Amino acid sequence: MICKKCGAEVMDNAIYCPKCGEKLKKKKHNKKAMIMVISIISVMLIIVGIYCYNAIPSILYIRGEKAYNQKEYDKAMKCYKKAITYKDSEEKYNDSATLFYYTVGKQKLENAEYEKAIEYLENVATYDDASDLILETHYYMALEYIEKLDYENALSEFKLSEYYGDSKKIITDNAEKMVQDGEYDTALSWFESINYPSDPYYQYAHGIKNVDKDPVQARQDFLRAGDILDAKQKVLESTYKAGNEQLKKEKYDEAVKLFDSIKEYSDSTELYNKSKLLLSKQLVETGKLNTAKTTLEGLDEDYTCDKVSVKNIKDIVENNKQWLSICGEWIAISGKASTTSYSTSVSWWYDGWTQDISRNNGSIQIRCVPQNDGTIKLQGDGTIYIYTNYSTITSMLCTDKYKFSFNKQVKDLGTIKIDDYVTMTISSNNIKVTYEKSVNEVSGFTYKYVTNCEYERNKEY
C-alpha cells in the first residue's frame, strides 16, 4: 500500500505511515459482490448435493427400499432402475414392477375400468392370482356387453373368461331369452359355445333353422324341445312338411311313418293312405311281396290313387302267391363241405377232407319280382361255406364263404343254375344250394371242392 501524503510504501495492515505519520485509509470491500459470490457457491453446493443424492447408487437403493416398504411401487421402480447395477437392484426392480402392475390392475378392476385392468394384469399374468383376476375381468366385460345388447362381443369375452363363475348359466339364460325373442342364430351360437344341445330352447331354435332345408331333422328337434313355446304345433307342421318331402322323393316307407303320427292334422290321413298304396306298389316292384301284402291292410278295396288301386296290387300278389313263401332272408341250417384230390394218370384217388356246416354259416336274400308275362324275376345274393384248397395236412386247409348273386327270370319253383359253380334248388319250404368246383393242376392232379347246404327262411320280405 502507498501513503498518499509522502508516497512511502507501507504494509497493508498499517494504520499510520511510519515515515510521515499520516493516518492511512483502508480499502472498502464490495458487500454486494461478496453476497453474490456466496449465493452462487451455495447454489452450486445444493445442486451437487441433489445430484449426489439422486445419482449415488447406494442412496438410490435406500430410497427404493423406502418406497417399496411404503408400497409406492412406481417410485421404487424408478429408484431401482437408476441403481440397476447396485446390489440386487435389478431383482428389486422386477419385484416392484410386478407389484405395481398387479396392484394397479386390481384397482382398475375394482373401479370397473376393465380394459385398463386387463392391460396391467396381463403384464403379470403368472403372478399370484393375476390369471384369475384376468378371467374375472373378462367376465365383467361380458356382462357390460350384454347390457349394451352387444351379444357378439359378450360371447367373445365369456370365452376369454374361460366361462368364469356362473358364465354358463348366464349364457344359457340369455340364449333362452334370445330364442323367445326370435334371435335364433345368436342363440344357437351361444348354446353351442358351451356345448349345450340338450337344452329344449336350443332344440327349438335348431328346428326353426332346419324346417325349410331339412324338415325331417326339424321334426326331431321340435320333438326334443318338448312343451316350450309352440313346439308341439311345430312338430305337427314339420312332420307334415317332412312327410310331403318323403312322398315327393318316393321314400314311401318314411312318408307312411310320418303321416301315421299326425293323422288328425290337415289332410294327413289321405296322404297316409296314398303313401301306403304307393309303398305297396313299390314293394311289389322290388320283389317284397309279403311286405306289400301287409302294407295294404287297412286300405279300402276300391281305393285308388295316382292310377294305382288296392285291388290291382292285391291281384298281383294273389296271382304270385306261390312265391310268397320264397321272398325273404334264408339262413344255412346244415350241410357238408369237402375237398378231394385224384389223378387219372397214376390211378390215384384220395377221399380228402369233409366238414359239417353249422347254423348261420351262410345266408341268402331273395326277392321275387312279378313280370307281365306271368314269370318271376328272381333277384338276390347269398353266401355258402367252401374249401378253397387241398392239402394232406389238416392245418394247411383253407376255407371261405363264396359269394354269389342272381337275377334270373323263372316260371316255376325248381333248380336254377346261378353261375359256373353254384346251383340252387327252391321248394316252398326250403332251399338247397350246391357248390362244385374242379381245379386241374399241371402236375396231373385234380382238386375238387364240393359243398351241399340247406337253408331255411329266417325273415320274410
Protein backbone atom coordinates (compact mmCIF):
# COMPACT_ATOMS: atom_id res chain seq x y z
CA MET A 1 0.00 0.00 0.00
CA ILE A 2 1.31 3.58 -0.81
CA CYS A 3 0.95 6.60 1.53
CA LYS A 4 -0.93 9.26 -0.30
CA LYS A 5 0.94 12.12 1.53
CA CYS A 6 4.56 11.19 1.21
CA GLY A 7 4.41 8.37 -1.28
CA ALA A 8 6.18 5.94 1.01
CA GLU A 9 5.39 2.20 0.68
CA VAL A 10 3.80 0.86 3.84
CA MET A 11 2.37 -2.54 4.90
CA ASP A 12 -1.19 -3.33 4.05
CA ASN A 13 -2.25 -3.72 7.67
CA ALA A 14 -0.55 -0.41 8.85
CA ILE A 15 -2.79 2.26 10.36
CA TYR A 16 -0.25 5.23 10.18
CA CYS A 17 2.52 5.91 7.71
CA PRO A 18 5.84 5.13 9.52
CA LYS A 19 7.58 7.95 7.56
CA CYS A 20 5.26 10.96 7.79
CA GLY A 21 2.78 9.82 10.41
CA GLU A 22 -0.22 10.27 8.13
CA LYS A 23 -3.24 8.15 9.06
CA LEU A 24 -3.89 5.63 6.34
CA LYS A 25 -7.42 4.81 4.88
CA LYS A 26 -8.37 1.09 4.50
CA LYS A 27 -9.85 -0.25 1.21
CA LYS A 28 -13.58 -0.93 1.50
CA HIS A 29 -14.88 -4.34 0.38
CA ASN A 30 -17.87 -4.71 -2.10
CA LYS A 31 -20.58 -6.29 0.04
CA LYS A 32 -22.90 -6.96 -2.89
CA ALA A 33 -20.22 -8.83 -4.73
CA MET A 34 -19.48 -10.88 -1.67
CA ILE A 35 -23.14 -11.79 -1.26
CA MET A 36 -23.35 -12.79 -4.92
CA VAL A 37 -20.31 -14.99 -4.63
CA ILE A 38 -21.62 -16.66 -1.51
CA SER A 39 -25.03 -17.26 -3.15
CA ILE A 40 -23.50 -18.86 -6.23
CA ILE A 41 -21.36 -21.11 -4.11
CA SER A 42 -24.40 -22.08 -2.02
CA VAL A 43 -26.50 -22.94 -5.12
CA MET A 44 -23.68 -24.97 -6.54
CA LEU A 45 -23.32 -26.86 -3.28
CA ILE A 46 -27.08 -27.59 -3.28
CA ILE A 47 -27.00 -28.81 -6.92
CA VAL A 48 -24.02 -31.01 -6.18
CA GLY A 49 -25.85 -32.34 -3.11
CA ILE A 50 -29.02 -33.08 -5.07
CA TYR A 51 -27.04 -34.71 -7.85
CA CYS A 52 -25.20 -36.87 -5.39
CA TYR A 53 -28.50 -37.76 -3.66
CA ASN A 54 -30.04 -38.77 -6.97
CA ALA A 55 -27.04 -40.35 -8.59
CA ILE A 56 -25.21 -42.27 -5.94
CA PRO A 57 -26.45 -45.90 -6.23
CA SER A 58 -26.40 -46.56 -2.51
CA ILE A 59 -28.63 -43.56 -1.85
CA LEU A 60 -30.98 -44.52 -4.71
CA TYR A 61 -31.17 -48.06 -3.37
CA ILE A 62 -32.14 -46.77 0.09
CA ARG A 63 -34.80 -44.53 -1.44
CA GLY A 64 -36.09 -47.50 -3.41
CA GLU A 65 -36.33 -49.62 -0.26
CA LYS A 66 -38.28 -46.89 1.50
CA ALA A 67 -40.74 -46.50 -1.38
CA TYR A 68 -41.12 -50.29 -1.68
CA ASN A 69 -41.93 -50.63 2.03
CA GLN A 70 -44.48 -47.84 1.71
CA LYS A 71 -46.00 -49.72 -1.28
CA GLU A 72 -45.14 -46.83 -3.59
CA TYR A 73 -44.06 -49.31 -6.24
CA ASP A 74 -43.85 -46.85 -9.13
CA LYS A 75 -41.32 -44.71 -7.18
CA ALA A 76 -39.44 -47.81 -6.10
CA MET A 77 -39.19 -48.91 -9.74
CA LYS A 78 -37.57 -45.60 -10.74
CA CYS A 79 -35.01 -45.75 -7.93
CA TYR A 80 -34.04 -49.36 -8.51
CA LYS A 81 -33.80 -48.76 -12.25
CA LYS A 82 -31.29 -45.90 -11.74
CA ALA A 83 -29.28 -48.09 -9.36
CA ILE A 84 -29.78 -51.19 -11.53
CA THR A 85 -26.21 -52.46 -11.11
CA TYR A 86 -26.11 -51.91 -7.34
CA LYS A 87 -26.59 -55.00 -5.14
CA ASP A 88 -29.93 -56.73 -6.01
CA SER A 89 -31.48 -53.62 -7.54
CA GLU A 90 -32.41 -55.48 -10.73
CA GLU A 91 -34.32 -58.13 -8.76
CA LYS A 92 -35.92 -55.44 -6.60
CA TYR A 93 -36.87 -53.56 -9.76
CA ASN A 94 -38.60 -56.63 -11.18
CA ASP A 95 -40.44 -57.25 -7.90
CA SER A 96 -41.56 -53.62 -7.76
CA ALA A 97 -42.73 -53.70 -11.37
CA THR A 98 -44.70 -56.90 -10.74
CA LEU A 99 -46.40 -55.47 -7.67
CA PHE A 100 -47.03 -52.18 -9.45
CA TYR A 101 -48.83 -53.81 -12.39
CA TYR A 102 -50.67 -56.20 -10.09
CA THR A 103 -51.94 -53.58 -7.60
CA VAL A 104 -52.86 -51.06 -10.29
CA GLY A 105 -54.60 -53.78 -12.31
CA LYS A 106 -56.53 -54.89 -9.25
CA GLN A 107 -57.56 -51.31 -8.52
CA LYS A 108 -58.71 -50.84 -12.10
CA LEU A 109 -60.81 -53.98 -11.80
CA GLU A 110 -62.40 -52.72 -8.56
CA ASN A 111 -63.11 -49.39 -10.27
CA ALA A 112 -64.72 -51.19 -13.25
CA GLU A 113 -62.01 -49.91 -15.60
CA TYR A 114 -61.87 -53.34 -17.21
CA GLU A 115 -59.82 -52.65 -20.31
CA LYS A 116 -57.13 -50.92 -18.23
CA ALA A 117 -57.25 -53.75 -15.70
CA ILE A 118 -56.56 -56.27 -18.47
CA GLU A 119 -53.72 -54.10 -19.79
CA TYR A 120 -51.96 -54.07 -16.40
CA LEU A 121 -52.73 -57.59 -15.25
CA GLU A 122 -51.61 -59.24 -18.47
CA ASN A 123 -48.09 -57.96 -17.74
CA VAL A 124 -48.02 -60.14 -14.60
CA ALA A 125 -50.34 -62.98 -15.64
CA THR A 126 -48.30 -65.61 -13.79
CA TYR A 127 -48.13 -63.71 -10.50
CA ASP A 128 -50.26 -64.84 -7.57
CA ASP A 129 -53.97 -64.83 -8.59
CA ALA A 130 -53.47 -62.46 -11.54
CA SER A 131 -54.64 -65.10 -14.02
CA ASP A 132 -57.89 -65.50 -12.08
CA LEU A 133 -58.33 -61.73 -11.97
CA ILE A 134 -57.90 -61.58 -15.74
CA LEU A 135 -60.64 -64.18 -16.17
CA GLU A 136 -62.85 -62.29 -13.74
CA THR A 137 -62.24 -59.06 -15.69
CA HIS A 138 -63.30 -60.69 -18.97
CA TYR A 139 -66.39 -61.99 -17.17
CA TYR A 140 -67.41 -58.47 -16.10
CA MET A 141 -66.66 -57.13 -19.56
CA ALA A 142 -69.05 -59.76 -20.95
CA LEU A 143 -71.77 -58.57 -18.57
CA GLU A 144 -71.23 -55.00 -19.71
CA TYR A 145 -71.62 -56.04 -23.36
CA ILE A 146 -74.85 -57.88 -22.51
CA GLU A 147 -76.24 -54.66 -21.04
CA LYS A 148 -75.35 -52.95 -24.32
CA LEU A 149 -77.02 -55.81 -26.27
CA ASP A 150 -73.68 -56.44 -27.96
CA TYR A 151 -74.01 -60.22 -27.90
CA GLU A 152 -71.12 -60.96 -30.25
CA ASN A 153 -68.54 -59.24 -28.05
CA ALA A 154 -70.22 -60.55 -24.92
CA LEU A 155 -69.78 -64.13 -26.10
CA SER A 156 -66.15 -63.43 -27.02
CA GLU A 157 -65.49 -62.15 -23.52
CA PHE A 158 -67.18 -65.17 -21.93
CA LYS A 159 -64.88 -67.39 -23.96
CA LEU A 160 -61.85 -65.36 -22.87
CA SER A 161 -63.03 -65.69 -19.27
CA GLU A 162 -62.98 -69.47 -19.77
CA TYR A 163 -66.60 -69.39 -18.60
CA TYR A 164 -65.67 -67.92 -15.23
CA GLY A 165 -68.08 -68.31 -12.32
CA ASP A 166 -71.71 -68.66 -13.39
CA SER A 167 -70.94 -67.78 -17.03
CA LYS A 168 -72.60 -70.91 -18.38
CA LYS A 169 -75.81 -70.21 -16.52
CA ILE A 170 -75.83 -66.60 -17.76
CA ILE A 171 -75.18 -67.80 -21.31
CA THR A 172 -77.98 -70.34 -21.06
CA ASP A 173 -80.46 -67.86 -19.58
CA ASN A 174 -79.69 -65.23 -22.21
CA ALA A 175 -79.76 -67.75 -25.05
CA GLU A 176 -83.19 -68.95 -23.95
CA LYS A 177 -84.40 -65.36 -23.93
CA MET A 178 -82.95 -64.87 -27.42
CA VAL A 179 -85.00 -67.83 -28.65
CA GLN A 180 -88.12 -66.29 -27.14
CA ASP A 181 -87.25 -63.03 -28.93
CA GLY A 182 -86.69 -64.82 -32.25
CA GLU A 183 -82.90 -64.30 -32.36
CA TYR A 184 -82.26 -67.92 -33.34
CA ASP A 185 -78.80 -67.64 -34.94
CA THR A 186 -77.33 -65.78 -31.98
CA ALA A 187 -78.99 -68.16 -29.54
CA LEU A 188 -77.55 -71.18 -31.35
CA SER A 189 -74.04 -69.76 -31.27
CA TRP A 190 -74.38 -69.09 -27.52
CA PHE A 191 -75.68 -72.58 -26.78
CA GLU A 192 -73.03 -74.20 -28.95
CA SER A 193 -70.24 -72.27 -27.23
CA ILE A 194 -70.94 -74.25 -24.06
CA ASN A 195 -71.82 -77.48 -25.85
CA TYR A 196 -75.36 -77.48 -24.53
CA PRO A 197 -77.54 -79.02 -27.26
CA SER A 198 -79.80 -80.78 -24.79
CA ASP A 199 -81.49 -77.54 -23.77
CA PRO A 200 -85.06 -77.54 -25.18
CA TYR A 201 -84.66 -73.93 -26.34
CA TYR A 202 -81.59 -74.95 -28.35
CA GLN A 203 -83.61 -77.75 -29.95
CA TYR A 204 -86.40 -75.32 -30.78
CA ALA A 205 -84.01 -72.82 -32.41
CA HIS A 206 -82.30 -75.64 -34.28
CA GLY A 207 -85.67 -76.82 -35.55
CA ILE A 208 -86.55 -73.34 -36.80
CA LYS A 209 -83.29 -73.21 -38.76
CA ASN A 210 -83.87 -76.70 -40.21
CA VAL A 211 -87.55 -76.55 -41.02
CA ASP A 212 -87.09 -75.49 -44.65
CA LYS A 213 -83.90 -77.31 -45.62
CA ASP A 214 -84.39 -80.49 -43.57
CA PRO A 215 -87.91 -80.90 -42.18
CA VAL A 216 -87.17 -84.46 -41.03
CA GLN A 217 -84.41 -83.18 -38.76
CA ALA A 218 -86.55 -80.21 -37.74
CA ARG A 219 -89.25 -82.61 -36.59
CA GLN A 220 -86.76 -84.39 -34.35
CA ASP A 221 -85.60 -81.03 -32.98
CA PHE A 222 -89.13 -79.92 -32.11
CA LEU A 223 -89.91 -83.27 -30.52
CA ARG A 224 -86.89 -82.85 -28.25
CA ALA A 225 -87.97 -79.28 -27.45
CA GLY A 226 -90.93 -80.71 -25.51
CA ASP A 227 -93.59 -78.31 -24.29
CA ILE A 228 -91.79 -74.97 -24.64
CA LEU A 229 -93.31 -72.16 -26.69
CA ASP A 230 -95.30 -73.63 -29.62
CA ALA A 231 -93.03 -76.66 -30.06
CA LYS A 232 -95.95 -79.11 -30.25
CA GLN A 233 -97.52 -77.18 -33.09
CA LYS A 234 -94.13 -77.03 -34.80
CA VAL A 235 -93.92 -80.83 -34.53
CA LEU A 236 -97.16 -81.15 -36.49
CA GLU A 237 -96.10 -78.64 -39.12
CA SER A 238 -92.61 -80.08 -39.62
CA THR A 239 -93.92 -83.66 -39.66
CA TYR A 240 -96.44 -82.74 -42.34
CA LYS A 241 -93.75 -81.00 -44.37
CA ALA A 242 -91.32 -83.89 -43.92
CA GLY A 243 -94.00 -86.38 -44.98
CA ASN A 244 -94.67 -84.50 -48.19
CA GLU A 245 -90.96 -84.27 -48.90
CA GLN A 246 -90.51 -88.02 -48.45
CA LEU A 247 -93.56 -88.63 -50.63
CA LYS A 248 -92.03 -86.47 -53.38
CA LYS A 249 -88.74 -88.39 -53.10
CA GLU A 250 -90.67 -91.68 -53.36
CA LYS A 251 -89.48 -92.70 -49.91
CA TYR A 252 -92.93 -94.05 -49.21
CA ASP A 253 -91.98 -96.11 -46.16
CA GLU A 254 -90.79 -92.93 -44.38
CA ALA A 255 -93.82 -90.98 -45.55
CA VAL A 256 -96.14 -93.67 -44.11
CA LYS A 257 -94.48 -93.40 -40.69
CA LEU A 258 -94.63 -89.61 -40.67
CA PHE A 259 -98.26 -89.23 -41.74
CA ASP A 260 -99.28 -92.05 -39.41
CA SER A 261 -98.08 -89.97 -36.45
CA ILE A 262 -100.26 -86.92 -37.33
CA LYS A 263 -103.41 -88.40 -38.88
CA GLU A 264 -105.58 -85.71 -37.31
CA TYR A 265 -103.55 -82.85 -38.81
CA SER A 266 -104.78 -81.30 -42.05
CA ASP A 267 -105.17 -83.94 -44.82
CA SER A 268 -102.59 -86.30 -43.27
CA THR A 269 -104.99 -89.27 -43.26
CA GLU A 270 -105.41 -89.04 -47.02
CA LEU A 271 -101.67 -88.66 -47.51
CA TYR A 272 -101.09 -91.63 -45.20
CA ASN A 273 -103.36 -93.81 -47.36
CA LYS A 274 -101.71 -92.57 -50.52
CA SER A 275 -98.25 -93.32 -49.14
CA LYS A 276 -99.31 -96.83 -48.12
CA LEU A 277 -100.71 -97.64 -51.55
CA LEU A 278 -97.67 -96.31 -53.40
CA LEU A 279 -95.39 -98.12 -50.95
CA SER A 280 -97.15 -101.43 -51.62
CA LYS A 281 -96.69 -100.89 -55.38
CA GLN A 282 -93.01 -100.09 -54.80
CA LEU A 283 -92.59 -103.24 -52.70
CA VAL A 284 -94.12 -105.39 -55.43
CA GLU A 285 -91.74 -103.84 -57.96
CA THR A 286 -88.75 -104.62 -55.75
CA GLY A 287 -89.85 -108.20 -55.12
CA LYS A 288 -91.00 -107.93 -51.49
CA LEU A 289 -94.43 -109.50 -51.94
CA ASN A 290 -95.13 -110.35 -48.30
CA THR A 291 -94.40 -106.81 -47.13
CA ALA A 292 -96.53 -105.41 -49.96
CA LYS A 293 -99.47 -107.58 -48.87
CA THR A 294 -99.11 -106.47 -45.25
CA THR A 295 -98.86 -102.80 -46.23
CA LEU A 296 -102.23 -102.92 -47.98
CA GLU A 297 -104.00 -103.85 -44.75
CA GLY A 298 -106.45 -101.18 -43.65
CA LEU A 299 -106.99 -99.72 -47.10
CA ASP A 300 -110.40 -99.99 -48.79
CA GLU A 301 -110.57 -102.41 -51.70
CA ASP A 302 -111.76 -99.69 -54.06
CA TYR A 303 -109.15 -97.08 -53.00
CA THR A 304 -107.28 -95.63 -55.98
CA CYS A 305 -104.54 -93.01 -56.20
CA ASP A 306 -102.17 -91.91 -58.99
CA LYS A 307 -103.60 -94.63 -61.28
CA VAL A 308 -102.78 -97.29 -58.70
CA SER A 309 -105.52 -99.27 -56.98
CA VAL A 310 -105.57 -101.51 -53.94
CA LYS A 311 -107.40 -104.18 -55.95
CA ASN A 312 -104.73 -104.22 -58.66
CA ILE A 313 -101.90 -104.71 -56.14
CA LYS A 314 -103.83 -107.45 -54.32
CA ASP A 315 -104.44 -109.24 -57.59
CA ILE A 316 -100.73 -109.21 -58.45
CA VAL A 317 -99.86 -110.65 -55.05
CA GLU A 318 -102.57 -113.29 -55.26
CA ASN A 319 -101.50 -114.38 -58.75
CA ASN A 320 -97.98 -114.98 -57.46
CA LYS A 321 -98.82 -116.44 -54.06
CA GLN A 322 -96.53 -119.48 -54.51
CA TRP A 323 -93.60 -117.06 -54.36
CA LEU A 324 -94.73 -115.52 -51.05
CA SER A 325 -93.01 -118.33 -49.20
CA ILE A 326 -89.76 -117.66 -51.10
CA CYS A 327 -89.34 -113.90 -50.61
CA GLY A 328 -87.13 -113.23 -47.63
CA GLU A 329 -83.89 -113.91 -45.84
CA TRP A 330 -82.69 -117.52 -45.63
CA ILE A 331 -80.01 -118.89 -43.32
CA ALA A 332 -77.89 -122.04 -43.56
CA ILE A 333 -79.05 -124.77 -41.17
CA SER A 334 -76.98 -127.80 -42.19
CA GLY A 335 -74.63 -129.12 -44.84
CA LYS A 336 -71.24 -130.54 -45.64
CA ALA A 337 -68.16 -129.16 -47.40
CA SER A 338 -65.47 -131.41 -48.89
CA THR A 339 -62.13 -131.22 -50.66
CA THR A 340 -60.62 -134.17 -52.57
CA SER A 341 -57.69 -134.93 -54.85
CA TYR A 342 -57.21 -137.50 -57.61
CA SER A 343 -55.03 -138.27 -60.62
CA THR A 344 -56.15 -140.37 -63.60
CA SER A 345 -52.59 -140.67 -64.88
CA VAL A 346 -51.41 -142.67 -61.86
CA SER A 347 -54.80 -144.09 -60.88
CA TRP A 348 -54.64 -142.31 -57.53
CA TRP A 349 -57.64 -141.09 -55.51
CA TYR A 350 -57.79 -139.54 -52.09
CA ASP A 351 -61.12 -139.10 -50.29
CA GLY A 352 -59.85 -135.90 -48.78
CA TRP A 353 -61.49 -133.89 -46.05
CA THR A 354 -65.05 -133.01 -45.06
CA GLN A 355 -66.55 -130.55 -42.64
CA ASP A 356 -70.10 -130.10 -41.34
CA ILE A 357 -71.63 -126.67 -41.84
CA SER A 358 -73.02 -125.08 -38.70
CA ARG A 359 -76.19 -123.00 -38.44
CA ASN A 360 -75.95 -119.43 -39.75
CA ASN A 361 -72.73 -120.21 -41.62
CA GLY A 362 -74.22 -118.84 -44.84
CA SER A 363 -77.27 -116.85 -45.95
CA ILE A 364 -79.41 -115.92 -48.99
CA GLN A 365 -81.54 -112.85 -49.68
CA ILE A 366 -84.34 -113.49 -52.21
CA ARG A 367 -86.75 -111.05 -53.85
CA CYS A 368 -89.43 -112.12 -56.33
CA VAL A 369 -90.46 -109.50 -58.91
CA PRO A 370 -93.66 -110.35 -60.88
CA GLN A 371 -93.41 -109.88 -64.67
CA ASN A 372 -96.20 -109.01 -67.09
CA ASP A 373 -95.87 -112.37 -68.85
CA GLY A 374 -96.61 -114.32 -65.68
CA THR A 375 -92.98 -115.16 -64.88
CA ILE A 376 -90.95 -114.07 -61.87
CA LYS A 377 -87.64 -112.22 -61.84
CA LEU A 378 -85.72 -113.94 -59.04
CA GLN A 379 -83.22 -111.48 -57.60
CA GLY A 380 -80.82 -111.69 -54.69
CA ASP A 381 -77.45 -112.70 -53.35
CA GLY A 382 -76.01 -115.19 -50.90
CA THR A 383 -73.00 -116.94 -49.35
CA ILE A 384 -72.02 -120.60 -48.99
CA TYR A 385 -69.21 -122.14 -46.95
CA ILE A 386 -66.48 -123.82 -49.09
CA TYR A 387 -62.96 -125.22 -49.11
CA THR A 388 -60.54 -123.20 -51.25
CA ASN A 389 -57.56 -125.58 -51.41
CA TYR A 390 -56.39 -129.15 -50.87
CA SER A 391 -53.66 -130.42 -48.57
CA THR A 392 -52.72 -133.71 -46.93
CA ILE A 393 -52.17 -131.71 -43.74
CA THR A 394 -55.29 -130.51 -41.94
CA SER A 395 -53.71 -127.30 -40.64
CA MET A 396 -52.89 -126.25 -44.20
CA LEU A 397 -56.52 -126.35 -45.38
CA CYS A 398 -58.25 -123.04 -46.13
CA THR A 399 -61.96 -122.21 -46.11
CA ASP A 400 -64.04 -119.20 -47.09
CA LYS A 401 -67.56 -118.04 -47.87
CA TYR A 402 -68.26 -117.99 -51.58
CA LYS A 403 -70.44 -115.04 -52.58
CA PHE A 404 -72.93 -115.35 -55.38
CA SER A 405 -75.70 -113.19 -56.82
CA PHE A 406 -78.53 -113.81 -59.24
CA ASN A 407 -81.11 -112.11 -61.41
CA LYS A 408 -82.98 -114.94 -63.15
CA GLN A 409 -86.34 -114.98 -64.87
CA VAL A 410 -88.21 -118.20 -63.93
CA LYS A 411 -91.69 -119.60 -64.24
CA ASP A 412 -91.80 -122.22 -61.51
CA LEU A 413 -90.00 -123.40 -58.42
CA GLY A 414 -87.16 -125.86 -59.01
CA THR A 415 -83.45 -125.95 -59.77
CA ILE A 416 -81.70 -122.85 -61.09
CA LYS A 417 -78.11 -122.58 -62.28
CA ILE A 418 -76.72 -119.48 -60.64
CA ASP A 419 -73.18 -119.39 -62.08
CA ASP A 420 -70.37 -121.76 -63.11
CA TYR A 421 -70.15 -123.28 -59.65
CA VAL A 422 -73.50 -122.81 -57.90
CA THR A 423 -76.93 -124.31 -58.45
CA MET A 424 -79.94 -123.54 -56.25
CA THR A 425 -82.98 -125.77 -55.80
CA ILE A 426 -86.03 -123.91 -54.50
CA SER A 427 -89.10 -125.53 -52.93
CA SER A 428 -91.94 -124.00 -50.95
CA ASN A 429 -90.32 -124.68 -47.59
CA ASN A 430 -86.57 -124.87 -48.13
CA ILE A 431 -83.66 -124.04 -50.43
CA LYS A 432 -80.72 -126.28 -51.24
CA VAL A 433 -77.52 -124.88 -52.69
CA THR A 434 -74.70 -126.88 -54.26
CA TYR A 435 -71.23 -125.51 -54.91
CA GLU A 436 -68.90 -127.60 -57.08
CA LYS A 437 -65.52 -126.60 -58.48
CA SER A 438 -62.69 -128.63 -60.01
CA VAL A 439 -59.16 -127.35 -60.49
CA ASN A 440 -56.72 -129.18 -62.82
CA GLU A 441 -53.07 -128.72 -61.92
CA VAL A 442 -50.15 -129.06 -64.38
CA SER A 443 -48.84 -131.85 -62.17
CA GLY A 444 -51.71 -134.02 -63.40
CA PHE A 445 -53.69 -133.83 -60.16
CA THR A 446 -57.24 -132.56 -59.98
CA TYR A 447 -58.65 -130.92 -56.84
CA LYS A 448 -62.38 -130.94 -56.33
CA TYR A 449 -64.29 -128.76 -53.88
CA VAL A 450 -67.94 -129.59 -53.16
CA THR A 451 -70.44 -128.10 -50.70
CA ASN A 452 -74.07 -129.04 -50.22
CA CYS A 453 -76.01 -126.78 -47.89
CA GLU A 454 -79.66 -126.46 -46.87
CA TYR A 455 -81.26 -123.13 -45.91
CA GLU A 456 -84.47 -122.20 -44.10
CA ARG A 457 -86.30 -118.87 -44.14
CA ASN A 458 -85.47 -116.63 -41.25
CA LYS A 459 -87.36 -113.46 -42.30
CA GLU A 460 -90.00 -112.80 -44.91
CA TYR A 461 -89.96 -109.96 -47.43
